[in-house]
PDB file of N, CA and C in Angstrom:
ATOM      1  N   UNK A   1      29.547 -20.024 -90.013  1.00  0.00           N
ATOM      2  CA  UNK A   1      29.748 -18.745 -89.910  1.00  0.00           C
ATOM      3  C   UNK A   1      30.645 -18.313 -90.695  1.00  0.00           C
ATOM      4  N   UNK A   2      31.642 -19.217 -91.120  1.00  0.00           N
ATOM      5  CA  UNK A   2      32.898 -18.986 -91.907  1.00  0.00           C
ATOM      6  C   UNK A   2      31.881 -18.911 -93.280  1.00  0.00           C
ATOM      7  N   UNK A   3      31.473 -19.844 -93.627  1.00  0.00           N
ATOM      8  CA  UNK A   3      30.970 -20.372 -94.975  1.00  0.00           C
ATOM      9  C   UNK A   3      30.089 -19.124 -95.362  1.00  0.00           C
ATOM     10  N   UNK A   4      29.080 -18.564 -94.562  1.00  0.00           N
ATOM     11  CA  UNK A   4      28.555 -17.362 -94.546  1.00  0.00           C
ATOM     12  C   UNK A   4      29.055 -16.441 -95.665  1.00  0.00           C
ATOM     13  N   UNK A   5      30.584 -15.876 -94.637  1.00  0.00           N
ATOM     14  CA  UNK A   5      31.265 -15.099 -95.013  1.00  0.00           C
ATOM     15  C   UNK A   5      31.658 -14.800 -96.247  1.00  0.00           C
ATOM     16  N   UNK A   6      31.716 -16.079 -96.998  1.00  0.00           N
ATOM     17  CA  UNK A   6      32.583 -16.944 -97.985  1.00  0.00           C
ATOM     18  C   UNK A   6      31.986 -16.699 -98.895  1.00  0.00           C
ATOM     19  N   UNK A   7      30.862 -16.364 -98.960  1.00  0.00           N
ATOM     20  CA  UNK A   7      29.804 -16.182-100.484  1.00  0.00           C
ATOM     21  C   UNK A   7      29.271 -14.798-100.145  1.00  0.00           C
ATOM     22  N   UNK A   8      29.692 -13.912 -99.741  1.00  0.00           N
ATOM     23  CA  UNK A   8      29.152 -12.337-100.043  1.00  0.00           C
ATOM     24  C   UNK A   8      29.386 -12.469-101.156  1.00  0.00           C
ATOM     25  N   UNK A   9      29.024 -10.938-102.358  1.00  0.00           N
ATOM     26  CA  UNK A   9      29.703 -10.625-103.101  1.00  0.00           C
ATOM     27  C   UNK A   9      31.723 -10.105-102.899  1.00  0.00           C
ATOM     28  N   UNK A  10      31.448  -9.643-101.811  1.00  0.00           N
ATOM     29  CA  UNK A  10      32.965  -8.758-100.861  1.00  0.00           C
ATOM     30  C   UNK A  10      33.938  -9.814-100.920  1.00  0.00           C
ATOM     31  N   UNK A  11      33.624 -11.272-100.750  1.00  0.00           N
ATOM     32  CA  UNK A  11      34.255 -12.121-100.232  1.00  0.00           C
ATOM     33  C   UNK A  11      34.774 -12.476-101.255  1.00  0.00           C
ATOM     34  N   UNK A  12      33.831 -12.977-102.994  1.00  0.00           N
ATOM     35  CA  UNK A  12      33.798 -13.397-104.101  1.00  0.00           C
ATOM     36  C   UNK A  12      35.320 -12.221-105.189  1.00  0.00           C
ATOM     37  N   UNK A  13      35.020 -11.268-104.386  1.00  0.00           N
ATOM     38  CA  UNK A  13      35.710 -10.516-104.815  1.00  0.00           C
ATOM     39  C   UNK A  13      36.937 -10.505-104.504  1.00  0.00           C
ATOM     40  N   UNK A  14      37.173 -10.228-102.921  1.00  0.00           N
ATOM     41  CA  UNK A  14      38.618 -10.400-102.543  1.00  0.00           C
ATOM     42  C   UNK A  14      39.337 -11.565-102.809  1.00  0.00           C
ATOM     43  N   UNK A  15      38.645 -13.041-103.158  1.00  0.00           N
ATOM     44  CA  UNK A  15      38.808 -13.849-103.645  1.00  0.00           C
ATOM     45  C   UNK A  15      39.982 -13.623-105.187  1.00  0.00           C
ATOM     46  N   UNK A  16      38.762 -13.016-106.147  1.00  0.00           N
ATOM     47  CA  UNK A  16      39.239 -12.806-107.066  1.00  0.00           C
ATOM     48  C   UNK A  16      40.063 -11.563-107.296  1.00  0.00           C
ATOM     49  N   UNK A  17      40.315 -10.564-106.104  1.00  0.00           N
ATOM     50  CA  UNK A  17      41.480  -9.560-106.647  1.00  0.00           C
ATOM     51  C   UNK A  17      42.650 -10.631-105.846  1.00  0.00           C
ATOM     52  N   UNK A  18      43.118 -11.382-105.157  1.00  0.00           N
ATOM     53  CA  UNK A  18      44.219 -12.384-104.231  1.00  0.00           C
ATOM     54  C   UNK A  18      44.627 -12.909-105.539  1.00  0.00           C
ATOM     55  N   UNK A  19      43.451 -13.537-106.254  1.00  0.00           N
ATOM     56  CA  UNK A  19      44.328 -14.224-107.374  1.00  0.00           C
ATOM     57  C   UNK A  19      44.726 -13.920-108.771  1.00  0.00           C
ATOM     58  N   UNK A  20      43.772 -12.630-109.024  1.00  0.00           N
ATOM     59  CA  UNK A  20      44.362 -11.306-109.430  1.00  0.00           C
ATOM     60  C   UNK A  20      45.735 -10.794-109.313  1.00  0.00           C
ATOM     61  N   UNK A  21      46.127 -10.646-108.249  1.00  0.00           N
ATOM     62  CA  UNK A  21      47.311 -10.154-107.750  1.00  0.00           C
ATOM     63  C   UNK A  21      48.276 -10.929-107.856  1.00  0.00           C
ATOM     64  N   UNK A  22      48.115 -12.308-107.585  1.00  0.00           N
ATOM     65  CA  UNK A  22      49.298 -13.575-107.254  1.00  0.00           C
ATOM     66  C   UNK A  22      49.670 -13.626-108.697  1.00  0.00           C
ATOM     67  N   UNK A  23      48.651 -13.436-109.938  1.00  0.00           N
ATOM     68  CA  UNK A  23      48.746 -13.919-111.242  1.00  0.00           C
ATOM     69  C   UNK A  23      49.462 -12.894-112.369  1.00  0.00           C
ATOM     70  N   UNK A  24      49.562 -11.386-111.217  1.00  0.00           N
ATOM     71  CA  UNK A  24      50.269  -9.993-112.059  1.00  0.00           C
ATOM     72  C   UNK A  24      51.398 -10.485-111.490  1.00  0.00           C
ATOM     73  N   UNK A  25      51.779 -11.023-110.547  1.00  0.00           N
ATOM     74  CA  UNK A  25      53.161 -10.968-109.556  1.00  0.00           C
ATOM     75  C   UNK A  25      53.706 -12.573-110.585  1.00  0.00           C
ATOM     76  N   UNK A  26      53.398 -13.100-110.778  1.00  0.00           N
ATOM     77  CA  UNK A  26      53.980 -14.599-111.369  1.00  0.00           C
ATOM     78  C   UNK A  26      53.797 -13.887-113.252  1.00  0.00           C
ATOM     79  N   UNK A  27      53.217 -13.260-113.580  1.00  0.00           N
ATOM     80  CA  UNK A  27      54.079 -12.572-114.736  1.00  0.00           C
ATOM     81  C   UNK A  27      54.750 -11.359-114.776  1.00  0.00           C
ATOM     82  N   UNK A  28      55.289 -10.647-113.925  1.00  0.00           N
ATOM     83  CA  UNK A  28      56.138 -10.056-113.625  1.00  0.00           C
ATOM     84  C   UNK A  28      57.260  -9.942-112.980  1.00  0.00           C
ATOM     85  N   UNK A  29      57.051 -11.637-112.616  1.00  0.00           N
ATOM     86  CA  UNK A  29      58.378 -12.707-112.205  1.00  0.00           C
ATOM     87  C   UNK A  29      58.592 -12.807-113.429  1.00  0.00           C
ATOM     88  N   UNK A  30      58.121 -13.434-114.002  1.00  0.00           N
ATOM     89  CA  UNK A  30      58.341 -14.380-115.693  1.00  0.00           C
ATOM     90  C   UNK A  30      59.313 -13.210-116.869  1.00  0.00           C
ATOM     91  N   UNK A  31      58.741 -11.850-116.638  1.00  0.00           N
ATOM     92  CA  UNK A  31      59.143 -10.530-116.787  1.00  0.00           C
ATOM     93  C   UNK A  31      60.403 -10.292-117.141  1.00  0.00           C
ATOM     94  N   UNK A  32      60.714 -10.785-115.847  1.00  0.00           N
ATOM     95  CA  UNK A  32      62.056 -10.200-115.533  1.00  0.00           C
ATOM     96  C   UNK A  32      62.797 -11.272-115.659  1.00  0.00           C
ATOM     97  N   UNK A  33      62.504 -11.967-115.061  1.00  0.00           N
ATOM     98  CA  UNK A  33      63.592 -13.541-115.560  1.00  0.00           C
ATOM     99  C   UNK A  33      63.869 -14.116-117.070  1.00  0.00           C
ATOM    100  N   UNK A  34      62.929 -13.235-118.089  1.00  0.00           N
ATOM    101  CA  UNK A  34      62.902 -13.429-119.294  1.00  0.00           C
ATOM    102  C   UNK A  34      64.190 -12.605-119.932  1.00  0.00           C
ATOM    103  N   UNK A  35      63.824 -11.116-119.403  1.00  0.00           N
ATOM    104  CA  UNK A  35      64.451  -9.907-119.644  1.00  0.00           C
ATOM    105  C   UNK A  35      65.871 -10.323-119.290  1.00  0.00           C
ATOM    106  N   UNK A  36      66.155 -10.883-117.882  1.00  0.00           N
ATOM    107  CA  UNK A  36      67.520 -11.726-117.919  1.00  0.00           C
ATOM    108  C   UNK A  36      68.541 -12.090-119.200  1.00  0.00           C
ATOM    109  N   UNK A  37      67.348 -13.296-119.134  1.00  0.00           N
ATOM    110  CA  UNK A  37      67.977 -14.456-120.057  1.00  0.00           C
ATOM    111  C   UNK A  37      67.957 -14.028-121.336  1.00  0.00           C
ATOM    112  N   UNK A  38      67.603 -13.136-121.871  1.00  0.00           N
ATOM    113  CA  UNK A  38      67.312 -12.499-123.417  1.00  0.00           C
ATOM    114  C   UNK A  38      68.534 -11.589-123.004  1.00  0.00           C
ATOM    115  N   UNK A  39      68.409 -10.733-122.284  1.00  0.00           N
ATOM    116  CA  UNK A  39      70.317 -10.054-122.467  1.00  0.00           C
ATOM    117  C   UNK A  39      71.134 -10.601-122.365  1.00  0.00           C
ATOM    118  N   UNK A  40      71.594 -11.653-121.554  1.00  0.00           N
ATOM    119  CA  UNK A  40      72.457 -12.457-121.247  1.00  0.00           C
ATOM    120  C   UNK A  40      72.925 -13.430-122.477  1.00  0.00           C
ATOM    121  N   UNK A  41      71.688 -13.722-122.852  1.00  0.00           N
ATOM    122  CA  UNK A  41      71.399 -14.626-124.939  1.00  0.00           C
ATOM    123  C   UNK A  41      72.289 -13.411-125.592  1.00  0.00           C
ATOM    124  N   UNK A  42      71.457 -12.505-125.004  1.00  0.00           N
ATOM    125  CA  UNK A  42      72.192 -11.636-126.570  1.00  0.00           C
ATOM    126  C   UNK A  42      73.618 -10.900-126.451  1.00  0.00           C
ATOM    127  N   UNK A  43      73.781 -10.800-125.839  1.00  0.00           N
ATOM    128  CA  UNK A  43      75.248 -10.495-125.392  1.00  0.00           C
ATOM    129  C   UNK A  43      75.950 -11.610-125.684  1.00  0.00           C
ATOM    130  N   UNK A  44      75.950 -12.710-125.474  1.00  0.00           N
ATOM    131  CA  UNK A  44      76.868 -13.526-125.748  1.00  0.00           C
ATOM    132  C   UNK A  44      76.212 -14.359-127.371  1.00  0.00           C
ATOM    133  N   UNK A  45      75.499 -14.062-128.004  1.00  0.00           N
ATOM    134  CA  UNK A  45      75.462 -14.293-128.867  1.00  0.00           C
ATOM    135  C   UNK A  45      75.132 -13.096-130.274  1.00  0.00           C
ATOM    136  N   UNK A  46      75.477 -11.863-129.842  1.00  0.00           N
ATOM    137  CA  UNK A  46      75.296 -11.257-130.798  1.00  0.00           C
ATOM    138  C   UNK A  46      74.168 -10.153-131.001  1.00  0.00           C
ATOM    139  N   UNK A  47      73.775  -9.881-132.395  1.00  0.00           N
ATOM    140  CA  UNK A  47      72.795  -8.961-132.162  1.00  0.00           C
ATOM    141  C   UNK A  47      71.613  -9.760-133.127  1.00  0.00           C
ATOM    142  N   UNK A  48      71.989 -11.397-133.406  1.00  0.00           N
ATOM    143  CA  UNK A  48      70.753 -11.882-134.529  1.00  0.00           C
ATOM    144  C   UNK A  48      69.515 -11.752-133.775  1.00  0.00           C
ATOM    145  N   UNK A  49      70.102 -12.626-132.266  1.00  0.00           N
ATOM    146  CA  UNK A  49      68.305 -12.271-131.551  1.00  0.00           C
ATOM    147  C   UNK A  49      67.994 -11.358-131.173  1.00  0.00           C
ATOM    148  N   UNK A  50      68.706 -10.337-130.968  1.00  0.00           N
ATOM    149  CA  UNK A  50      68.175  -8.886-130.487  1.00  0.00           C
ATOM    150  C   UNK A  50      66.413  -9.018-130.526  1.00  0.00           C
ATOM    151  N   UNK A  51      66.201  -8.600-132.017  1.00  0.00           N
ATOM    152  CA  UNK A  51      64.848  -8.355-132.479  1.00  0.00           C
ATOM    153  C   UNK A  51      63.774  -9.767-131.457  1.00  0.00           C
ATOM    154  N   UNK A  52      64.259 -10.795-131.999  1.00  0.00           N
ATOM    155  CA  UNK A  52      63.325 -11.627-131.588  1.00  0.00           C
ATOM    156  C   UNK A  52      62.856 -11.324-129.990  1.00  0.00           C
ATOM    157  N   UNK A  53      64.312 -11.463-129.140  1.00  0.00           N
ATOM    158  CA  UNK A  53      63.874 -11.681-127.811  1.00  0.00           C
ATOM    159  C   UNK A  53      63.139 -10.120-127.133  1.00  0.00           C
ATOM    160  N   UNK A  54      63.503  -8.879-128.042  1.00  0.00           N
ATOM    161  CA  UNK A  54      62.977  -8.101-127.862  1.00  0.00           C
ATOM    162  C   UNK A  54      61.169  -8.003-128.511  1.00  0.00           C
ATOM    163  N   UNK A  55      60.768  -8.872-129.065  1.00  0.00           N
ATOM    164  CA  UNK A  55      59.444  -8.861-129.154  1.00  0.00           C
ATOM    165  C   UNK A  55      58.783  -9.796-128.360  1.00  0.00           C
ATOM    166  N   UNK A  56      59.610 -10.614-128.077  1.00  0.00           N
ATOM    167  CA  UNK A  56      59.439 -11.707-127.020  1.00  0.00           C
ATOM    168  C   UNK A  56      58.881 -10.741-125.300  1.00  0.00           C
ATOM    169  N   UNK A  57      59.819 -10.189-125.154  1.00  0.00           N
ATOM    170  CA  UNK A  57      59.924  -9.140-123.875  1.00  0.00           C
ATOM    171  C   UNK A  57      58.196  -8.335-123.885  1.00  0.00           C
ATOM    172  N   UNK A  58      58.687  -7.355-125.444  1.00  0.00           N
ATOM    173  CA  UNK A  58      57.441  -6.518-124.992  1.00  0.00           C
ATOM    174  C   UNK A  58      55.635  -7.347-124.939  1.00  0.00           C
ATOM    175  N   UNK A  59      55.794  -8.534-125.753  1.00  0.00           N
ATOM    176  CA  UNK A  59      54.764  -9.328-125.680  1.00  0.00           C
ATOM    177  C   UNK A  59      54.475  -9.661-123.644  1.00  0.00           C
ATOM    178  N   UNK A  60      55.655  -9.931-123.391  1.00  0.00           N
ATOM    179  CA  UNK A  60      55.446 -10.465-121.565  1.00  0.00           C
ATOM    180  C   UNK A  60      54.873  -9.180-120.959  1.00  0.00           C
ATOM    181  N   UNK A  61      55.354  -7.660-121.503  1.00  0.00           N
ATOM    182  CA  UNK A  61      55.190  -6.328-120.715  1.00  0.00           C
ATOM    183  C   UNK A  61      53.492  -6.436-120.857  1.00  0.00           C
ATOM    184  N   UNK A  62      53.371  -6.524-122.292  1.00  0.00           N
ATOM    185  CA  UNK A  62      51.784  -6.025-122.706  1.00  0.00           C
ATOM    186  C   UNK A  62      50.871  -6.777-121.939  1.00  0.00           C
ATOM    187  N   UNK A  63      51.399  -8.057-121.969  1.00  0.00           N
ATOM    188  CA  UNK A  63      50.470  -9.066-120.639  1.00  0.00           C
ATOM    189  C   UNK A  63      50.608  -8.063-119.045  1.00  0.00           C
ATOM    190  N   UNK A  64      51.857  -7.741-118.464  1.00  0.00           N
ATOM    191  CA  UNK A  64      51.666  -7.411-117.248  1.00  0.00           C
ATOM    192  C   UNK A  64      51.027  -6.340-117.246  1.00  0.00           C
ATOM    193  N   UNK A  65      51.069  -5.669-117.886  1.00  0.00           N
ATOM    194  CA  UNK A  65      50.381  -4.350-118.189  1.00  0.00           C
ATOM    195  C   UNK A  65      48.499  -4.605-118.255  1.00  0.00           C
ATOM    196  N   UNK A  66      48.154  -5.495-118.992  1.00  0.00           N
ATOM    197  CA  UNK A  66      47.024  -6.192-118.839  1.00  0.00           C
ATOM    198  C   UNK A  66      46.633  -6.048-117.531  1.00  0.00           C
ATOM    199  N   UNK A  67      47.579  -7.396-116.979  1.00  0.00           N
ATOM    200  CA  UNK A  67      47.470  -8.116-115.663  1.00  0.00           C
ATOM    201  C   UNK A  67      47.455  -6.330-114.359  1.00  0.00           C
ATOM    202  N   UNK A  68      48.175  -5.664-114.794  1.00  0.00           N
ATOM    203  CA  UNK A  68      47.760  -4.167-113.688  1.00  0.00           C
ATOM    204  C   UNK A  68      46.461  -4.120-113.748  1.00  0.00           C
ATOM    205  N   UNK A  69      46.115  -3.529-114.924  1.00  0.00           N
ATOM    206  CA  UNK A  69      44.659  -2.969-114.889  1.00  0.00           C
ATOM    207  C   UNK A  69      43.935  -3.468-114.382  1.00  0.00           C
ATOM    208  N   UNK A  70      43.622  -4.931-114.928  1.00  0.00           N
ATOM    209  CA  UNK A  70      42.596  -6.028-114.155  1.00  0.00           C
ATOM    210  C   UNK A  70      42.694  -5.876-112.801  1.00  0.00           C
ATOM    211  N   UNK A  71      43.752  -5.671-112.209  1.00  0.00           N
ATOM    212  CA  UNK A  71      44.515  -5.711-110.466  1.00  0.00           C
ATOM    213  C   UNK A  71      43.636  -4.365-110.303  1.00  0.00           C
ATOM    214  N   UNK A  72      43.787  -2.945-110.904  1.00  0.00           N
ATOM    215  CA  UNK A  72      43.212  -1.679-110.396  1.00  0.00           C
ATOM    216  C   UNK A  72      41.880  -1.553-110.972  1.00  0.00           C
ATOM    217  N   UNK A  73      41.353  -2.616-111.913  1.00  0.00           N
ATOM    218  CA  UNK A  73      39.962  -2.369-111.739  1.00  0.00           C
ATOM    219  C   UNK A  73      38.995  -3.474-110.900  1.00  0.00           C
ATOM    220  N   UNK A  74      39.518  -4.303-110.384  1.00  0.00           N
ATOM    221  CA  UNK A  74      38.837  -5.242-109.319  1.00  0.00           C
ATOM    222  C   UNK A  74      39.809  -4.594-107.727  1.00  0.00           C
ATOM    223  N   UNK A  75      40.758  -4.064-107.661  1.00  0.00           N
ATOM    224  CA  UNK A  75      40.734  -2.783-106.690  1.00  0.00           C
ATOM    225  C   UNK A  75      39.723  -1.907-106.423  1.00  0.00           C
ATOM    226  N   UNK A  76      39.324  -0.732-107.284  1.00  0.00           N
ATOM    227  CA  UNK A  76      38.848  -0.352-107.632  1.00  0.00           C
ATOM    228  C   UNK A  76      37.157  -0.323-107.024  1.00  0.00           C
ATOM    229  N   UNK A  77      36.905  -1.336-107.509  1.00  0.00           N
ATOM    230  CA  UNK A  77      34.818  -2.227-107.344  1.00  0.00           C
ATOM    231  C   UNK A  77      35.503  -2.526-105.804  1.00  0.00           C
ATOM    232  N   UNK A  78      36.175  -2.538-104.857  1.00  0.00           N
ATOM    233  CA  UNK A  78      36.517  -2.853-103.432  1.00  0.00           C
ATOM    234  C   UNK A  78      35.866  -1.632-103.051  1.00  0.00           C
ATOM    235  N   UNK A  79      36.402  -0.948-103.160  1.00  0.00           N
ATOM    236  CA  UNK A  79      36.814   0.580-102.415  1.00  0.00           C
ATOM    237  C   UNK A  79      35.054   0.939-102.658  1.00  0.00           C
ATOM    238  N   UNK A  80      34.681   0.830-103.949  1.00  0.00           N
ATOM    239  CA  UNK A  80      33.254   1.336-104.097  1.00  0.00           C
ATOM    240  C   UNK A  80      32.390   0.743-103.300  1.00  0.00           C
ATOM    241  N   UNK A  81      32.428  -0.706-103.117  1.00  0.00           N
ATOM    242  CA  UNK A  81      31.779  -1.580-102.793  1.00  0.00           C
ATOM    243  C   UNK A  81      31.876  -1.456-101.163  1.00  0.00           C
ATOM    244  N   UNK A  82      33.599  -1.136-100.357  1.00  0.00           N
ATOM    245  CA  UNK A  82      33.093  -0.217 -99.594  1.00  0.00           C
ATOM    246  C   UNK A  82      32.444   0.840 -99.009  1.00  0.00           C
ATOM    247  N   UNK A  83      32.289   1.646 -99.642  1.00  0.00           N
ATOM    248  CA  UNK A  83      32.039   3.434-100.106  1.00  0.00           C
ATOM    249  C   UNK A  83      30.376   3.002 -99.860  1.00  0.00           C
ATOM    250  N   UNK A  84      29.657   2.477-100.460  1.00  0.00           N
ATOM    251  CA  UNK A  84      28.236   2.153-100.595  1.00  0.00           C
ATOM    252  C   UNK A  84      28.095   1.236 -99.413  1.00  0.00           C
ATOM    253  N   UNK A  85      28.573   0.432 -98.721  1.00  0.00           N
ATOM    254  CA  UNK A  85      28.208  -0.124 -97.458  1.00  0.00           C
ATOM    255  C   UNK A  85      27.937   0.489 -96.321  1.00  0.00           C
ATOM    256  N   UNK A  86      29.381   1.673 -96.342  1.00  0.00           N
ATOM    257  CA  UNK A  86      29.727   2.532 -95.384  1.00  0.00           C
ATOM    258  C   UNK A  86      28.473   3.528 -95.565  1.00  0.00           C
ATOM    259  N   UNK A  87      28.215   4.116 -96.530  1.00  0.00           N
ATOM    260  CA  UNK A  87      26.576   4.468 -97.267  1.00  0.00           C
ATOM    261  C   UNK A  87      25.402   4.364 -96.199  1.00  0.00           C
ATOM    262  N   UNK A  88      25.061   2.803 -96.148  1.00  0.00           N
ATOM    263  CA  UNK A  88      24.429   2.062 -95.999  1.00  0.00           C
ATOM    264  C   UNK A  88      24.464   2.353 -94.601  1.00  0.00           C
ATOM    265  N   UNK A  89      25.505   1.899 -93.764  1.00  0.00           N
ATOM    266  CA  UNK A  89      25.069   1.367 -92.803  1.00  0.00           C
ATOM    267  C   UNK A  89      25.117   3.033 -91.636  1.00  0.00           C
ATOM    268  N   UNK A  90      25.892   4.252 -92.492  1.00  0.00           N
ATOM    269  CA  UNK A  90      25.784   5.509 -92.106  1.00  0.00           C
ATOM    270  C   UNK A  90      23.846   5.606 -91.713  1.00  0.00           C
ATOM    271  N   UNK A  91      23.318   6.040 -92.825  1.00  0.00           N
ATOM    272  CA  UNK A  91      22.065   6.173 -93.106  1.00  0.00           C
ATOM    273  C   UNK A  91      21.008   5.133 -92.170  1.00  0.00           C
ATOM    274  N   UNK A  92      21.378   4.588 -92.115  1.00  0.00           N
ATOM    275  CA  UNK A  92      20.746   3.377 -91.117  1.00  0.00           C
ATOM    276  C   UNK A  92      21.129   3.128 -89.479  1.00  0.00           C
ATOM    277  N   UNK A  93      22.439   4.119 -89.205  1.00  0.00           N
ATOM    278  CA  UNK A  93      22.521   4.459 -87.726  1.00  0.00           C
ATOM    279  C   UNK A  93      23.374   5.697 -87.949  1.00  0.00           C
ATOM    280  N   UNK A  94      22.722   6.713 -87.464  1.00  0.00           N
ATOM    281  CA  UNK A  94      23.348   7.979 -88.027  1.00  0.00           C
ATOM    282  C   UNK A  94      24.594   8.678 -86.733  1.00  0.00           C
ATOM    283  N   UNK A  95      23.483   8.173 -85.570  1.00  0.00           N
ATOM    284  CA  UNK A  95      23.814   8.509 -84.311  1.00  0.00           C
ATOM    285  C   UNK A  95      25.075   7.717 -84.005  1.00  0.00           C
ATOM    286  N   UNK A  96      24.902   6.459 -84.465  1.00  0.00           N
ATOM    287  CA  UNK A  96      25.673   5.214 -83.717  1.00  0.00           C
ATOM    288  C   UNK A  96      27.233   5.928 -84.665  1.00  0.00           C
ATOM    289  N   UNK A  97      27.064   6.539 -86.081  1.00  0.00           N
ATOM    290  CA  UNK A  97      27.663   6.934 -86.687  1.00  0.00           C
ATOM    291  C   UNK A  97      28.672   8.248 -86.273  1.00  0.00           C
ATOM    292  N   UNK A  98      28.285   8.990 -85.971  1.00  0.00           N
ATOM    293  CA  UNK A  98      28.602  10.728 -85.206  1.00  0.00           C
ATOM    294  C   UNK A  98      28.666   9.890 -84.301  1.00  0.00           C
ATOM    295  N   UNK A  99      28.720   9.232 -83.167  1.00  0.00           N
ATOM    296  CA  UNK A  99      29.564   8.894 -82.453  1.00  0.00           C
ATOM    297  C   UNK A  99      31.082   7.972 -82.353  1.00  0.00           C
ATOM    298  N   UNK A 100      31.296   7.231 -83.394  1.00  0.00           N
ATOM    299  CA  UNK A 100      32.501   7.066 -83.907  1.00  0.00           C
ATOM    300  C   UNK A 100      33.243   8.168 -84.017  1.00  0.00           C
ATOM    301  N   UNK A 101      32.695   8.570 -85.102  1.00  0.00           N
ATOM    302  CA  UNK A 101      32.907   9.717 -85.642  1.00  0.00           C
ATOM    303  C   UNK A 101      33.942  10.799 -84.484  1.00  0.00           C
ATOM    304  N   UNK A 102      33.300  11.041 -83.247  1.00  0.00           N
ATOM    305  CA  UNK A 102      33.567  11.403 -82.553  1.00  0.00           C
ATOM    306  C   UNK A 102      35.039  10.623 -81.351  1.00  0.00           C
ATOM    307  N   UNK A 103      34.592   9.897 -81.349  1.00  0.00           N
ATOM    308  CA  UNK A 103      35.653   8.618 -80.512  1.00  0.00           C
ATOM    309  C   UNK A 103      36.308   9.292 -81.209  1.00  0.00           C
ATOM    310  N   UNK A 104      36.599   8.769 -82.825  1.00  0.00           N
ATOM    311  CA  UNK A 104      38.414   8.838 -83.451  1.00  0.00           C
ATOM    312  C   UNK A 104      38.702  10.271 -83.792  1.00  0.00           C
ATOM    313  N   UNK A 105      37.545  10.596 -83.415  1.00  0.00           N
ATOM    314  CA  UNK A 105      38.117  12.440 -83.453  1.00  0.00           C
ATOM    315  C   UNK A 105      38.863  12.528 -81.883  1.00  0.00           C
ATOM    316  N   UNK A 106      38.004  12.071 -80.694  1.00  0.00           N
ATOM    317  CA  UNK A 106      39.029  12.063 -79.339  1.00  0.00           C
ATOM    318  C   UNK A 106      40.072  11.896 -79.492  1.00  0.00           C
ATOM    319  N   UNK A 107      40.002  10.558 -80.017  1.00  0.00           N
ATOM    320  CA  UNK A 107      41.166   9.797 -79.946  1.00  0.00           C
ATOM    321  C   UNK A 107      42.807  10.626 -80.861  1.00  0.00           C
ATOM    322  N   UNK A 108      42.529  10.869 -81.724  1.00  0.00           N
ATOM    323  CA  UNK A 108      43.545  11.406 -82.601  1.00  0.00           C
ATOM    324  C   UNK A 108      43.910  13.007 -81.599  1.00  0.00           C
ATOM    325  N   UNK A 109      42.773  13.052 -81.896  1.00  0.00           N
ATOM    326  CA  UNK A 109      43.495  14.415 -80.829  1.00  0.00           C
ATOM    327  C   UNK A 109      44.218  14.033 -80.014  1.00  0.00           C
ATOM    328  N   UNK A 110      44.104  13.955 -78.564  1.00  0.00           N
ATOM    329  CA  UNK A 110      44.441  12.706 -77.481  1.00  0.00           C
ATOM    330  C   UNK A 110      46.177  11.844 -77.811  1.00  0.00           C
ATOM    331  N   UNK A 111      46.185  11.683 -79.187  1.00  0.00           N
ATOM    332  CA  UNK A 111      47.396  11.038 -79.405  1.00  0.00           C
ATOM    333  C   UNK A 111      48.117  12.380 -80.466  1.00  0.00           C
ATOM    334  N   UNK A 112      47.603  13.479 -80.575  1.00  0.00           N
ATOM    335  CA  UNK A 112      48.168  14.789 -81.453  1.00  0.00           C
ATOM    336  C   UNK A 112      48.839  15.857 -80.003  1.00  0.00           C
ATOM    337  N   UNK A 113      48.239  15.748 -78.843  1.00  0.00           N
ATOM    338  CA  UNK A 113      48.404  16.269 -78.058  1.00  0.00           C
ATOM    339  C   UNK A 113      49.578  15.704 -77.329  1.00  0.00           C
ATOM    340  N   UNK A 114      50.229  14.727 -76.910  1.00  0.00           N
ATOM    341  CA  UNK A 114      50.844  14.110 -76.773  1.00  0.00           C
ATOM    342  C   UNK A 114      52.059  14.594 -77.515  1.00  0.00           C
ATOM    343  N   UNK A 115      52.190  14.659 -78.387  1.00  0.00           N
ATOM    344  CA  UNK A 115      53.075  14.786 -78.887  1.00  0.00           C
ATOM    345  C   UNK A 115      53.458  16.913 -78.908  1.00  0.00           C
TER     346      UNK A 115
END
């Protein structure tokens, strides 16, 4: 059963999103670490290495921004796939969807009435 779920497009997209997120976090950790190193070395060495440190830090930030955009695209794609799957389910089972909506509404109503 686990094998069939791993081969679905949603599972592949989820795995790609997880990989993108881990890559982004790695780049952000590197950016912070690099910034700390460059700032400490610039403070010790004077202003000679500041331009080099600045350009390296800007490149690291560009990479992190690129990874953020990839992650955003991946998350949007997952959201669209979830919306499409919901739409297909509701069209195929309209009364079940209405019943579920009513049950959720009643549950929220009861929770709000308690407060």
